[in-house]
Amino acid sequence: GFKIKIGEHYLTGRFDRVDKLPDGTIEIIDYKTGRGQEKAQGEEKEQLTLYQIAAGKLPTYTNFGSVSKLTLYYVKDDLKTSFLAKEKDLIRVENKIIKIIDKIKTGNFTATPEKHTCQNCQFRDVCEYRE
C-alpha cells in the first residue's frame, strides 16, 4: 500500500504487484479481470500512471529501484500490455487528481456527461444528463 501527497491532498492506494527486474529497475503489475486490450488506455492507463507517480515519491520504492515498466495483466485472456508513462502524462494525471479532489471537497458534483463515462456509470438508466 501507499499514501502520497498530491498538491495539498493525500491519496492512498495499493499495488497488486511490484517486481524487481534483472536490470535493477521495477515493474508495477496490475491484474485485471475484464476483457483484455492490446494497448493501455483510459482509466486503466491513468491508474498505472498514478502508481508510477507513487513509486517515484516513496523511498520504499525509490530505494528498491526506478520504475521501468507498468503492466496491465488481463487474467482471463492471459494478456499483458506494458508501457512507461512520460513526464507530461505524470503531470496531467496529478493535475486531474487535484481537480477531482477539489471538486469533491467543494461539493461540486455537476454532471459531466460523455459517451464513455455514461456507458460505464451505474446511474445511466436514471440520469437526465446521460448521453
Protein backbone atom coordinates (compact mmCIF):
# COMPACT_ATOMS: atom_id res chain seq x y z
CA GLY A 1 0.00 0.00 0.00
CA PHE A 2 0.94 3.64 -0.28
CA LYS A 3 -0.03 7.10 0.88
CA ILE A 4 1.24 10.05 -1.11
CA LYS A 5 0.68 13.79 -1.17
CA ILE A 6 -0.58 15.28 -4.41
CA GLY A 7 -0.95 19.02 -4.23
CA GLU A 8 -2.38 19.68 -0.77
CA HIS A 9 -4.17 16.34 -0.62
CA TYR A 10 -3.27 12.83 0.49
CA LEU A 11 -4.14 9.82 -1.60
CA THR A 12 -3.91 6.18 -0.62
CA GLY A 13 -3.77 3.12 -2.81
CA ARG A 14 -2.39 -0.36 -3.16
CA PHE A 15 -0.21 -2.02 -5.79
CA ASP A 16 -1.21 -5.52 -6.88
CA ARG A 17 2.40 -6.49 -7.51
CA VAL A 18 5.87 -4.94 -7.75
CA ASP A 19 8.73 -6.97 -9.26
CA LYS A 20 12.43 -6.16 -9.26
CA LEU A 21 13.79 -6.76 -12.75
CA PRO A 22 17.27 -8.13 -13.54
CA ASP A 23 18.50 -4.64 -14.53
CA GLY A 24 17.66 -3.30 -11.03
CA THR A 25 14.52 -1.41 -12.08
CA ILE A 26 10.98 -2.27 -11.04
CA GLU A 27 7.84 -3.32 -12.86
CA ILE A 28 4.44 -2.50 -11.38
CA ILE A 29 1.76 -5.01 -12.37
CA ASP A 30 -1.98 -4.51 -12.04
CA TYR A 31 -4.24 -7.52 -12.50
CA LYS A 32 -7.50 -7.03 -14.41
CA THR A 33 -10.42 -9.41 -14.74
CA GLY A 34 -12.16 -7.62 -17.60
CA ARG A 35 -11.71 -8.04 -21.33
CA GLY A 36 -8.09 -7.63 -22.40
CA GLN A 37 -6.83 -4.77 -24.53
CA GLU A 38 -3.73 -4.66 -26.69
CA LYS A 39 -2.91 -1.11 -25.56
CA ALA A 40 -3.26 0.55 -22.15
CA GLN A 41 -5.80 3.35 -22.29
CA GLY A 42 -8.33 5.36 -20.32
CA GLU A 43 -8.75 4.90 -16.59
CA GLU A 44 -6.59 1.76 -16.50
CA LYS A 45 -3.67 3.68 -18.01
CA GLU A 46 -4.24 6.57 -15.60
CA GLN A 47 -4.33 4.15 -12.66
CA LEU A 48 -0.92 2.73 -13.55
CA THR A 49 0.40 6.24 -14.21
CA LEU A 50 -0.68 7.11 -10.66
CA TYR A 51 1.22 4.04 -9.44
CA GLN A 52 4.33 5.31 -11.23
CA ILE A 53 3.88 8.68 -9.50
CA ALA A 54 3.51 6.95 -6.11
CA ALA A 55 6.55 4.72 -6.62
CA GLY A 56 8.57 7.79 -7.59
CA LYS A 57 7.61 9.66 -4.40
CA LEU A 58 8.14 6.91 -1.83
CA PRO A 59 11.59 5.94 -0.53
CA THR A 60 10.38 2.36 -0.07
CA TYR A 61 10.22 2.04 -3.84
CA THR A 62 12.87 4.54 -4.98
CA ASN A 63 15.40 2.64 -2.84
CA PHE A 64 14.18 -0.59 -4.45
CA GLY A 65 14.69 0.76 -8.00
CA SER A 66 13.21 3.16 -10.52
CA VAL A 67 10.07 2.22 -12.43
CA SER A 68 10.86 0.99 -15.92
CA LYS A 69 7.62 -0.81 -16.78
CA LEU A 70 3.92 -0.58 -15.96
CA THR A 71 1.95 -3.70 -16.88
CA LEU A 72 -1.74 -4.47 -17.13
CA TYR A 73 -2.28 -8.22 -16.87
CA TYR A 74 -5.69 -9.37 -18.09
CA VAL A 75 -6.10 -12.67 -16.26
CA LYS A 76 -8.97 -14.20 -18.27
CA ASP A 77 -7.26 -13.57 -21.61
CA ASP A 78 -3.72 -14.21 -20.31
CA LEU A 79 -2.75 -10.94 -21.99
CA LYS A 80 -0.13 -8.47 -20.79
CA THR A 81 0.31 -4.95 -22.07
CA SER A 82 3.12 -2.72 -20.80
CA PHE A 83 4.17 0.90 -21.05
CA LEU A 84 6.01 3.61 -19.11
CA ALA A 85 4.32 6.96 -18.57
CA LYS A 86 6.08 10.05 -19.89
CA GLU A 87 6.70 13.12 -17.72
CA LYS A 88 3.82 15.01 -19.39
CA ASP A 89 1.46 12.12 -18.53
CA LEU A 90 2.60 12.13 -14.89
CA ILE A 91 1.87 15.87 -14.66
CA ARG A 92 -1.50 15.51 -16.42
CA VAL A 93 -2.66 12.74 -14.06
CA GLU A 94 -1.50 14.66 -10.96
CA ASN A 95 -3.39 17.76 -12.13
CA LYS A 96 -6.51 15.70 -12.89
CA ILE A 97 -6.44 14.16 -9.41
CA ILE A 98 -6.07 17.59 -7.77
CA LYS A 99 -9.06 18.92 -9.75
CA ILE A 100 -11.22 15.93 -8.82
CA ILE A 101 -10.35 16.16 -5.11
CA ASP A 102 -11.02 19.92 -5.14
CA LYS A 103 -14.46 19.32 -6.70
CA ILE A 104 -15.26 16.69 -4.07
CA LYS A 105 -14.17 18.96 -1.21
CA THR A 106 -16.30 21.85 -2.50
CA GLY A 107 -19.31 19.60 -3.08
CA ASN A 108 -19.24 20.21 -6.84
CA PHE A 109 -20.96 17.16 -8.29
CA THR A 110 -22.14 18.72 -11.54
CA ALA A 111 -22.89 16.10 -14.18
CA THR A 112 -20.22 15.83 -16.88
CA PRO A 113 -21.83 13.51 -19.43
CA GLU A 114 -19.83 11.99 -22.24
CA LYS A 115 -20.28 8.72 -24.10
CA HIS A 116 -17.54 6.72 -22.35
CA THR A 117 -18.40 8.00 -18.88
CA CYS A 118 -22.14 7.44 -19.26
CA GLN A 119 -21.62 3.95 -20.71
CA ASN A 120 -19.92 2.81 -17.52
CA CYS A 121 -21.98 4.78 -14.99
CA GLN A 122 -24.19 2.88 -12.56
CA PHE A 123 -26.78 5.69 -12.77
CA ARG A 124 -27.06 5.70 -16.59
CA ASP A 125 -30.63 4.36 -16.55
CA VAL A 126 -31.98 7.14 -14.33
CA CYS A 127 -29.76 10.14 -15.12
CA GLU A 128 -31.38 13.00 -17.01
CA TYR A 129 -27.96 14.10 -18.35
CA ARG A 130 -26.86 10.75 -19.85
CA GLU A 131 -25.54 10.52 -23.39
